[in-house]
Amino acid sequence: MVLEQGSAVINGPHQGAWVDTPSGENWFLHFQDKDAYGRVVHLQPMSWANDWPVMGKQGQPVLTHRKPGVGANYPAAAPAESDDFDESRLGLQWQWQANPQAGWALPSPAYGFLRLYNIQQPDDFVNFWQAPNLLLQKFPAPEFTVTTRLSFTPRAAGERTGLVVMGTDYGWIGLRKRGDDLQLVQVSCIGADQGGAEKEWAAVPMKSANVLLRARISAGASVRFSYSADGKTFVELGAPMTARAGRWIGAKVGLFALGTGPVSEFGYADFDWFKVE
């Protein structure tokens, strides 16, 4: 079902469901497609006229309205976002890029971190669009900041790990083993779903394998990456990007660890926490 947008700011209201309450109120749930922010769910008041349902006001969606009368007051609640990785399983906010495999990740509640192994990238790898082991979650708000702390233990050259904003375009900031050296790099890719190549915007040498990484998402899904080597001061790195939706989904943000070829032993990255503000 598709509703008329009319003069409302809620574009493309579609795919709805009629809900009635025990007190006799009628409401309508529907999606709004917001590009990088995915499909946002709206609840509209609903009435009947000439045996036809009328959603919102005069058939147009409304942005604000009183809540349904359900006989009690309930505190506001939101899906989980941040994660201290203190549980033996991943939280419901996390989604793998593809069907997960045993051995990609090891939650370690005893130590309070999540270990991601630097799994070999697919043979046909062009960019992260082909990488199944990206651990992601949906954008939670129009503007937000994600920060994570990691410790990297690579085994072979080319292994890399970090923080990624993923969609048909994507960008990431993270650590990479280059020969015997460790680098902090910022990379982006335009048109990943069409086989676009990655572009490296910055690379700085790192003495420590422990670092804080940050992605700041501003209005319009604009993204800036930064890092902190001392845990206090953050330094922007690389170029800004605009997040784009994935295929039938919004953009996502999350973690990754990748290798480049066959190895006798996988390296790994330990993520202490993932904080969304």
C-alpha atoms as a PDB file:
ATOM      1  CA  MET A   1       0.000   0.000   0.000  1.00  0.00           C
ATOM      2  CA  VAL A   2       1.243   3.513  -0.842  1.00  0.00           C
ATOM      3  CA  LEU A   3      -0.114   6.687   0.797  1.00  0.00           C
ATOM      4  CA  GLU A   4      -0.216  10.174  -0.659  1.00  0.00           C
ATOM      5  CA  GLN A   5       2.579  12.353   0.687  1.00  0.00           C
ATOM      6  CA  GLY A   6       0.640  15.532   0.015  1.00  0.00           C
ATOM      7  CA  SER A   7       2.257  18.512   1.752  1.00  0.00           C
ATOM      8  CA  ALA A   8       3.850  16.348   4.465  1.00  0.00           C
ATOM      9  CA  VAL A   9       7.632  16.054   4.822  1.00  0.00           C
ATOM     10  CA  ILE A  10       7.287  12.274   5.113  1.00  0.00           C
ATOM     11  CA  ASN A  11       8.148  11.065   1.634  1.00  0.00           C
ATOM     12  CA  GLY A  12       7.000   7.818   0.082  1.00  0.00           C
ATOM     13  CA  PRO A  13       4.856   6.336   2.886  1.00  0.00           C
ATOM     14  CA  HIS A  14       4.318   2.701   1.954  1.00  0.00           C
ATOM     15  CA  GLN A  15       4.040  -0.945   3.063  1.00  0.00           C
ATOM     16  CA  GLY A  16       1.678  -0.466   5.980  1.00  0.00           C
ATOM     17  CA  ALA A  17      -0.381  -2.378   8.506  1.00  0.00           C
ATOM     18  CA  TRP A  18      -3.638  -1.542  10.278  1.00  0.00           C
ATOM     19  CA  VAL A  19      -3.513  -1.903  14.082  1.00  0.00           C
ATOM     20  CA  ASP A  20      -6.457  -1.534  16.449  1.00  0.00           C
ATOM     21  CA  THR A  21      -6.202  -1.222  20.233  1.00  0.00           C
ATOM     22  CA  PRO A  22      -8.419  -2.793  22.928  1.00  0.00           C
ATOM     23  CA  SER A  23      -9.954   0.636  23.557  1.00  0.00           C
ATOM     24  CA  GLY A  24     -11.107   0.855  19.923  1.00  0.00           C
ATOM     25  CA  GLU A  25      -8.488   3.213  18.486  1.00  0.00           C
ATOM     26  CA  ASN A  26      -7.195   2.652  14.974  1.00  0.00           C
ATOM     27  CA  TRP A  27      -3.598   3.221  13.912  1.00  0.00           C
ATOM     28  CA  PHE A  28      -1.495   2.589  10.853  1.00  0.00           C
ATOM     29  CA  LEU A  29       2.153   1.531  10.668  1.00  0.00           C
ATOM     30  CA  HIS A  30       4.181   2.338   7.556  1.00  0.00           C
ATOM     31  CA  PHE A  31       7.687   2.805   6.203  1.00  0.00           C
ATOM     32  CA  GLN A  32       9.421   5.940   5.013  1.00  0.00           C
ATOM     33  CA  ASP A  33      12.460   5.464   2.778  1.00  0.00           C
ATOM     34  CA  LYS A  34      15.200   7.840   3.965  1.00  0.00           C
ATOM     35  CA  ASP A  35      18.106   6.801   1.734  1.00  0.00           C
ATOM     36  CA  ALA A  36      21.211   6.259   3.892  1.00  0.00           C
ATOM     37  CA  TYR A  37      19.058   6.156   7.018  1.00  0.00           C
ATOM     38  CA  GLY A  38      17.081   3.199   5.768  1.00  0.00           C
ATOM     39  CA  ARG A  39      13.372   2.580   6.180  1.00  0.00           C
ATOM     40  CA  VAL A  40      12.025   4.482   9.171  1.00  0.00           C
ATOM     41  CA  VAL A  41       8.815   3.205  10.778  1.00  0.00           C
ATOM     42  CA  HIS A  42       5.965   5.688  11.407  1.00  0.00           C
ATOM     43  CA  LEU A  43       2.759   5.292  13.384  1.00  0.00           C
ATOM     44  CA  GLN A  44      -0.194   7.252  11.989  1.00  0.00           C
ATOM     45  CA  PRO A  45      -3.641   7.884  13.454  1.00  0.00           C
ATOM     46  CA  MET A  46      -6.319   6.211  11.373  1.00  0.00           C
ATOM     47  CA  SER A  47     -10.047   6.790  10.989  1.00  0.00           C
ATOM     48  CA  TRP A  48     -12.835   5.559   8.722  1.00  0.00           C
ATOM     49  CA  ALA A  49     -14.833   7.540   6.171  1.00  0.00           C
ATOM     50  CA  ASN A  50     -17.455   6.004   3.897  1.00  0.00           C
ATOM     51  CA  ASP A  51     -16.094   2.555   4.781  1.00  0.00           C
ATOM     52  CA  TRP A  52     -12.570   3.536   3.683  1.00  0.00           C
ATOM     53  CA  PRO A  53      -9.519   3.915   5.965  1.00  0.00           C
ATOM     54  CA  VAL A  54      -8.086   7.439   6.231  1.00  0.00           C
ATOM     55  CA  MET A  55      -4.502   7.615   7.548  1.00  0.00           C
ATOM     56  CA  GLY A  56      -2.926  10.645   9.198  1.00  0.00           C
ATOM     57  CA  LYS A  57      -4.843  13.863   8.682  1.00  0.00           C
ATOM     58  CA  GLN A  58      -7.051  13.978   5.594  1.00  0.00           C
ATOM     59  CA  GLY A  59      -5.128  11.059   4.147  1.00  0.00           C
ATOM     60  CA  GLN A  60      -1.677  12.632   4.586  1.00  0.00           C
ATOM     61  CA  PRO A  61       0.953  11.367   7.073  1.00  0.00           C
ATOM     62  CA  VAL A  62       1.671  13.505  10.152  1.00  0.00           C
ATOM     63  CA  LEU A  63       5.072  13.917  11.772  1.00  0.00           C
ATOM     64  CA  THR A  64       3.837  14.301  15.375  1.00  0.00           C
ATOM     65  CA  HIS A  65       0.705  13.130  17.154  1.00  0.00           C
ATOM     66  CA  ARG A  66      -0.415  11.970  20.587  1.00  0.00           C
ATOM     67  CA  LYS A  67       0.439   8.387  21.429  1.00  0.00           C
ATOM     68  CA  PRO A  68      -2.129   5.573  21.379  1.00  0.00           C
ATOM     69  CA  GLY A  69      -4.211   5.224  24.512  1.00  0.00           C
ATOM     70  CA  VAL A  70      -3.237   1.815  25.878  1.00  0.00           C
ATOM     71  CA  GLY A  71      -4.319   2.259  29.506  1.00  0.00           C
ATOM     72  CA  ALA A  72      -0.860   2.824  30.991  1.00  0.00           C
ATOM     73  CA  ASN A  73       2.335   4.843  30.614  1.00  0.00           C
ATOM     74  CA  TYR A  74       5.522   3.157  29.484  1.00  0.00           C
ATOM     75  CA  PRO A  75       9.075   4.547  29.456  1.00  0.00           C
ATOM     76  CA  ALA A  76      10.649   5.316  26.105  1.00  0.00           C
ATOM     77  CA  ALA A  77      12.726   2.425  24.805  1.00  0.00           C
ATOM     78  CA  ALA A  78      15.102   2.041  21.882  1.00  0.00           C
ATOM     79  CA  PRO A  79      16.987  -0.882  20.337  1.00  0.00           C
ATOM     80  CA  ALA A  80      20.475  -1.541  21.680  1.00  0.00           C
ATOM     81  CA  GLU A  81      23.276   0.328  19.920  1.00  0.00           C
ATOM     82  CA  SER A  82      26.447   0.559  22.018  1.00  0.00           C
ATOM     83  CA  ASP A  83      28.123  -2.664  23.127  1.00  0.00           C
ATOM     84  CA  ASP A  84      30.691  -3.419  25.831  1.00  0.00           C
ATOM     85  CA  PHE A  85      31.075  -6.977  24.516  1.00  0.00           C
ATOM     86  CA  ASP A  86      30.536  -8.440  27.970  1.00  0.00           C
ATOM     87  CA  GLU A  87      28.151 -11.176  26.801  1.00  0.00           C
ATOM     88  CA  SER A  88      28.818 -14.632  25.356  1.00  0.00           C
ATOM     89  CA  ARG A  89      26.869 -13.812  22.191  1.00  0.00           C
ATOM     90  CA  LEU A  90      26.479 -10.808  19.941  1.00  0.00           C
ATOM     91  CA  GLY A  91      23.607  -8.430  20.658  1.00  0.00           C
ATOM     92  CA  LEU A  92      20.559  -8.191  18.409  1.00  0.00           C
ATOM     93  CA  GLN A  93      21.776  -4.852  16.995  1.00  0.00           C
ATOM     94  CA  TRP A  94      24.505  -6.643  15.020  1.00  0.00           C
ATOM     95  CA  GLN A  95      24.123  -8.033  11.502  1.00  0.00           C
ATOM     96  CA  TRP A  96      26.739  -9.827   9.426  1.00  0.00           C
ATOM     97  CA  GLN A  97      27.143  -8.795   5.804  1.00  0.00           C
ATOM     98  CA  ALA A  98      26.401 -12.405   4.783  1.00  0.00           C
ATOM     99  CA  ASN A  99      25.510 -15.705   6.436  1.00  0.00           C
ATOM    100  CA  PRO A 100      27.904 -15.995   9.390  1.00  0.00           C
ATOM    101  CA  GLN A 101      30.458 -18.755   9.747  1.00  0.00           C
ATOM    102  CA  ALA A 102      31.907 -20.248  12.906  1.00  0.00           C
ATOM    103  CA  GLY A 103      35.356 -18.824  13.483  1.00  0.00           C
ATOM    104  CA  TRP A 104      34.726 -15.284  12.290  1.00  0.00           C
ATOM    105  CA  ALA A 105      34.241 -13.899  15.777  1.00  0.00           C
ATOM    106  CA  LEU A 106      34.869 -14.892  19.378  1.00  0.00           C
ATOM    107  CA  PRO A 107      32.946 -12.989  22.060  1.00  0.00           C
ATOM    108  CA  SER A 108      35.013 -13.134  25.242  1.00  0.00           C
ATOM    109  CA  PRO A 109      32.885 -12.029  28.215  1.00  0.00           C
ATOM    110  CA  ALA A 110      35.585 -13.048  30.698  1.00  0.00           C
ATOM    111  CA  TYR A 111      37.932 -10.442  29.221  1.00  0.00           C
ATOM    112  CA  GLY A 112      35.266  -8.002  28.019  1.00  0.00           C
ATOM    113  CA  PHE A 113      36.167  -7.817  24.340  1.00  0.00           C
ATOM    114  CA  LEU A 114      35.094  -9.124  20.956  1.00  0.00           C
ATOM    115  CA  ARG A 115      37.778 -10.836  18.890  1.00  0.00           C
ATOM    116  CA  LEU A 116      37.416 -10.701  15.103  1.00  0.00           C
ATOM    117  CA  TYR A 117      39.760 -12.890  13.086  1.00  0.00           C
ATOM    118  CA  ASN A 118      41.459 -11.605   9.940  1.00  0.00           C
ATOM    119  CA  ILE A 119      39.597 -14.011   7.659  1.00  0.00           C
ATOM    120  CA  GLN A 120      40.959 -14.381   4.123  1.00  0.00           C
ATOM    121  CA  GLN A 121      39.100 -12.204   1.649  1.00  0.00           C
ATOM    122  CA  PRO A 122      37.200 -13.970  -1.179  1.00  0.00           C
ATOM    123  CA  ASP A 123      39.127 -14.996  -4.288  1.00  0.00           C
ATOM    124  CA  ASP A 124      37.072 -12.563  -6.398  1.00  0.00           C
ATOM    125  CA  PHE A 125      37.605  -9.702  -3.953  1.00  0.00           C
ATOM    126  CA  VAL A 126      37.411  -6.222  -5.473  1.00  0.00           C
ATOM    127  CA  ASN A 127      36.132  -4.282  -2.500  1.00  0.00           C
ATOM    128  CA  PHE A 128      34.158  -4.746   0.717  1.00  0.00           C
ATOM    129  CA  TRP A 129      30.959  -5.507  -1.245  1.00  0.00           C
ATOM    130  CA  GLN A 130      32.360  -9.051  -1.626  1.00  0.00           C
ATOM    131  CA  ALA A 131      33.454  -9.370   2.013  1.00  0.00           C
ATOM    132  CA  PRO A 132      30.969 -11.457   4.034  1.00  0.00           C
ATOM    133  CA  ASN A 133      32.503 -10.974   7.477  1.00  0.00           C
ATOM    134  CA  LEU A 134      31.586  -7.333   8.108  1.00  0.00           C
ATOM    135  CA  LEU A 135      29.838  -6.923  11.462  1.00  0.00           C
ATOM    136  CA  LEU A 136      27.380  -4.027  11.072  1.00  0.00           C
ATOM    137  CA  GLN A 137      24.366  -2.255  12.498  1.00  0.00           C
ATOM    138  CA  LYS A 138      21.889   0.232  11.070  1.00  0.00           C
ATOM    139  CA  PHE A 139      22.208   3.998  11.410  1.00  0.00           C
ATOM    140  CA  PRO A 140      20.364   4.897  14.649  1.00  0.00           C
ATOM    141  CA  ALA A 141      19.778   8.632  14.107  1.00  0.00           C
ATOM    142  CA  PRO A 142      20.258  11.486  11.603  1.00  0.00           C
ATOM    143  CA  GLU A 143      23.386  12.631  13.478  1.00  0.00           C
ATOM    144  CA  PHE A 144      25.543  10.474  15.733  1.00  0.00           C
ATOM    145  CA  THR A 145      29.104   9.484  16.602  1.00  0.00           C
ATOM    146  CA  VAL A 146      30.562   5.984  16.818  1.00  0.00           C
ATOM    147  CA  THR A 147      33.784   5.298  18.703  1.00  0.00           C
ATOM    148  CA  THR A 148      35.559   1.983  19.234  1.00  0.00           C
ATOM    149  CA  ARG A 149      38.782   0.878  20.881  1.00  0.00           C
ATOM    150  CA  LEU A 150      40.785  -1.941  19.353  1.00  0.00           C
ATOM    151  CA  SER A 151      44.039  -3.825  19.706  1.00  0.00           C
ATOM    152  CA  PHE A 152      45.453  -5.383  16.529  1.00  0.00           C
ATOM    153  CA  THR A 153      47.541  -8.562  16.302  1.00  0.00           C
ATOM    154  CA  PRO A 154      48.252  -9.221  12.615  1.00  0.00           C
ATOM    155  CA  ARG A 155      50.169 -12.269  11.380  1.00  0.00           C
ATOM    156  CA  ALA A 156      50.728 -11.497   7.695  1.00  0.00           C
ATOM    157  CA  ALA A 157      51.219  -8.480   5.465  1.00  0.00           C
ATOM    158  CA  GLY A 158      48.004  -6.961   4.163  1.00  0.00           C
ATOM    159  CA  GLU A 159      45.845  -7.894   7.143  1.00  0.00           C
ATOM    160  CA  ARG A 160      43.641  -4.983   8.183  1.00  0.00           C
ATOM    161  CA  THR A 161      40.958  -4.113  10.674  1.00  0.00           C
ATOM    162  CA  GLY A 162      38.890  -1.130  11.679  1.00  0.00           C
ATOM    163  CA  LEU A 163      35.674   0.843  11.609  1.00  0.00           C
ATOM    164  CA  VAL A 164      33.577   0.975   8.429  1.00  0.00           C
ATOM    165  CA  VAL A 165      30.553   2.923   7.180  1.00  0.00           C
ATOM    166  CA  MET A 166      29.089   0.542   4.605  1.00  0.00           C
ATOM    167  CA  GLY A 167      26.732   0.928   1.663  1.00  0.00           C
ATOM    168  CA  THR A 168      26.979   1.037  -2.115  1.00  0.00           C
ATOM    169  CA  ASP A 169      29.623   3.667  -1.331  1.00  0.00           C
ATOM    170  CA  TYR A 170      31.693   3.075   1.786  1.00  0.00           C
ATOM    171  CA  GLY A 171      34.622   4.330   3.804  1.00  0.00           C
ATOM    172  CA  TRP A 172      36.757   2.946   6.586  1.00  0.00           C
ATOM    173  CA  ILE A 173      39.509   3.876   8.994  1.00  0.00           C
ATOM    174  CA  GLY A 174      41.745   1.264  10.532  1.00  0.00           C
ATOM    175  CA  LEU A 175      45.087  -0.450  11.011  1.00  0.00           C
ATOM    176  CA  ARG A 176      46.958  -2.348   8.306  1.00  0.00           C
ATOM    177  CA  LYS A 177      50.129  -4.406   8.346  1.00  0.00           C
ATOM    178  CA  ARG A 178      52.435  -3.247   5.535  1.00  0.00           C
ATOM    179  CA  GLY A 179      55.572  -5.376   5.460  1.00  0.00           C
ATOM    180  CA  ASP A 180      56.983  -5.248   8.977  1.00  0.00           C
ATOM    181  CA  ASP A 181      55.298  -1.917   9.690  1.00  0.00           C
ATOM    182  CA  LEU A 182      51.887  -0.943  11.017  1.00  0.00           C
ATOM    183  CA  GLN A 183      49.900   1.856   9.381  1.00  0.00           C
ATOM    184  CA  LEU A 184      46.726   3.738  10.183  1.00  0.00           C
ATOM    185  CA  VAL A 185      44.839   4.276   6.933  1.00  0.00           C
ATOM    186  CA  GLN A 186      41.628   5.869   5.688  1.00  0.00           C
ATOM    187  CA  VAL A 187      40.059   4.413   2.560  1.00  0.00           C
ATOM    188  CA  SER A 188      36.842   4.935   0.614  1.00  0.00           C
ATOM    189  CA  CYS A 189      35.093   3.315  -2.334  1.00  0.00           C
ATOM    190  CA  ILE A 190      32.524   4.787  -4.703  1.00  0.00           C
ATOM    191  CA  GLY A 191      30.124   2.422  -6.454  1.00  0.00           C
ATOM    192  CA  ALA A 192      31.177  -0.666  -4.528  1.00  0.00           C
ATOM    193  CA  ASP A 193      28.200  -2.625  -5.857  1.00  0.00           C
ATOM    194  CA  GLN A 194      29.389  -1.889  -9.414  1.00  0.00           C
ATOM    195  CA  GLY A 195      32.955  -3.076  -8.796  1.00  0.00           C
ATOM    196  CA  GLY A 196      34.404   0.302  -7.847  1.00  0.00           C
ATOM    197  CA  ALA A 197      38.007   0.394  -6.674  1.00  0.00           C
ATOM    198  CA  GLU A 198      39.090   1.563  -3.243  1.00  0.00           C
ATOM    199  CA  LYS A 199      40.957   4.856  -2.913  1.00  0.00           C
ATOM    200  CA  GLU A 200      43.411   5.405  -0.087  1.00  0.00           C
ATOM    201  CA  TRP A 201      43.235   8.967   1.218  1.00  0.00           C
ATOM    202  CA  ALA A 202      45.736   8.843   4.060  1.00  0.00           C
ATOM    203  CA  ALA A 203      48.283   6.534   5.678  1.00  0.00           C
ATOM    204  CA  VAL A 204      50.309   7.328   8.781  1.00  0.00           C
ATOM    205  CA  PRO A 205      52.831   5.071  10.564  1.00  0.00           C
ATOM    206  CA  MET A 206      51.792   3.725  13.951  1.00  0.00           C
ATOM    207  CA  LYS A 207      54.041   2.558  16.760  1.00  0.00           C
ATOM    208  CA  SER A 208      51.210   1.087  18.800  1.00  0.00           C
ATOM    209  CA  ALA A 209      48.632  -1.507  17.772  1.00  0.00           C
ATOM    210  CA  ASN A 210      46.149   0.024  20.238  1.00  0.00           C
ATOM    211  CA  VAL A 211      43.988   2.855  18.938  1.00  0.00           C
ATOM    212  CA  LEU A 212      40.581   4.515  19.223  1.00  0.00           C
ATOM    213  CA  LEU A 213      38.683   4.974  15.962  1.00  0.00           C
ATOM    214  CA  ARG A 214      35.754   7.286  15.372  1.00  0.00           C
ATOM    215  CA  ALA A 215      33.172   8.039  12.685  1.00  0.00           C
ATOM    216  CA  ARG A 216      31.056  11.168  13.025  1.00  0.00           C
ATOM    217  CA  ILE A 217      27.871  11.213  10.954  1.00  0.00           C
ATOM    218  CA  SER A 218      26.311  14.648  10.407  1.00  0.00           C
ATOM    219  CA  ALA A 219      23.050  15.750   8.788  1.00  0.00           C
ATOM    220  CA  GLY A 220      22.731  14.517   5.241  1.00  0.00           C
ATOM    221  CA  ALA A 221      24.736  11.364   6.097  1.00  0.00           C
ATOM    222  CA  SER A 222      28.064  13.205   5.857  1.00  0.00           C
ATOM    223  CA  VAL A 223      30.884  11.177   7.427  1.00  0.00           C
ATOM    224  CA  ARG A 224      34.256  12.190   8.888  1.00  0.00           C
ATOM    225  CA  PHE A 225      36.764   9.728  10.308  1.00  0.00           C
ATOM    226  CA  SER A 226      39.236  10.349  13.131  1.00  0.00           C
ATOM    227  CA  TYR A 227      41.499   8.485  15.532  1.00  0.00           C
ATOM    228  CA  SER A 228      43.153   8.851  18.908  1.00  0.00           C
ATOM    229  CA  ALA A 229      46.502   7.322  19.795  1.00  0.00           C
ATOM    230  CA  ASP A 230      46.459   8.586  23.388  1.00  0.00           C
ATOM    231  CA  GLY A 231      42.797   7.984  24.220  1.00  0.00           C
ATOM    232  CA  LYS A 232      42.158  11.703  24.676  1.00  0.00           C
ATOM    233  CA  THR A 233      42.727  13.766  21.541  1.00  0.00           C
ATOM    234  CA  PHE A 234      41.104  12.809  18.251  1.00  0.00           C
ATOM    235  CA  VAL A 235      42.685  13.732  14.918  1.00  0.00           C
ATOM    236  CA  GLU A 236      40.700  13.732  11.679  1.00  0.00           C
ATOM    237  CA  LEU A 237      42.150  11.552   8.950  1.00  0.00           C
ATOM    238  CA  GLY A 238      41.438  11.291   5.249  1.00  0.00           C
ATOM    239  CA  ALA A 239      38.558  12.709   3.227  1.00  0.00           C
ATOM    240  CA  PRO A 240      34.884  13.242   4.110  1.00  0.00           C
ATOM    241  CA  MET A 241      32.305  11.062   2.415  1.00  0.00           C
ATOM    242  CA  THR A 242      28.549  10.855   2.097  1.00  0.00           C
ATOM    243  CA  ALA A 243      27.063   7.547   3.171  1.00  0.00           C
ATOM    244  CA  ARG A 244      24.807   5.794   0.675  1.00  0.00           C
ATOM    245  CA  ALA A 245      22.223   3.134   1.257  1.00  0.00           C
ATOM    246  CA  GLY A 246      22.967  -0.480   0.511  1.00  0.00           C
ATOM    247  CA  ARG A 247      20.703  -2.488  -1.749  1.00  0.00           C
ATOM    248  CA  TRP A 248      17.162  -2.278  -0.273  1.00  0.00           C
ATOM    249  CA  ILE A 249      18.633  -1.172   3.052  1.00  0.00           C
ATOM    250  CA  GLY A 250      20.128   1.929   4.589  1.00  0.00           C
ATOM    251  CA  ALA A 251      23.807   2.471   5.254  1.00  0.00           C
ATOM    252  CA  LYS A 252      25.362   0.640   8.184  1.00  0.00           C
ATOM    253  CA  VAL A 253      28.295   1.177  10.521  1.00  0.00           C
ATOM    254  CA  GLY A 254      30.423  -1.451  12.176  1.00  0.00           C
ATOM    255  CA  LEU A 255      33.621  -3.461  12.426  1.00  0.00           C
ATOM    256  CA  PHE A 256      35.750  -5.665  10.216  1.00  0.00           C
ATOM    257  CA  ALA A 257      38.928  -7.749  10.146  1.00  0.00           C
ATOM    258  CA  LEU A 258      40.321  -9.092   6.857  1.00  0.00           C
ATOM    259  CA  GLY A 259      43.319 -10.951   5.523  1.00  0.00           C
ATOM    260  CA  THR A 260      44.567 -11.159   1.958  1.00  0.00           C
ATOM    261  CA  GLY A 261      45.631 -14.761   1.352  1.00  0.00           C
ATOM    262  CA  PRO A 262      46.188 -18.230   2.812  1.00  0.00           C
ATOM    263  CA  VAL A 263      48.025 -18.224   6.136  1.00  0.00           C
ATOM    264  CA  SER A 264      48.984 -20.864   8.668  1.00  0.00           C
ATOM    265  CA  GLU A 265      47.437 -18.798  11.440  1.00  0.00           C
ATOM    266  CA  PHE A 266      44.932 -15.933  11.326  1.00  0.00           C
ATOM    267  CA  GLY A 267      45.744 -12.654  12.972  1.00  0.00           C
ATOM    268  CA  TYR A 268      42.992 -10.934  14.916  1.00  0.00           C
ATOM    269  CA  ALA A 269      41.636  -7.694  16.332  1.00  0.00           C
ATOM    270  CA  ASP A 270      40.199  -7.306  19.826  1.00  0.00           C
ATOM    271  CA  PHE A 271      37.464  -4.676  20.163  1.00  0.00           C
ATOM    272  CA  ASP A 272      37.056  -3.517  23.756  1.00  0.00           C
ATOM    273  CA  TRP A 273      33.805  -1.618  23.186  1.00  0.00           C
ATOM    274  CA  PHE A 274      31.645   0.072  20.580  1.00  0.00           C
ATOM    275  CA  LYS A 275      29.968   3.284  21.706  1.00  0.00           C
ATOM    276  CA  VAL A 276      27.184   5.155  19.889  1.00  0.00           C
ATOM    277  CA  GLU A 277      26.415   8.702  21.011  1.00  0.00           C
END
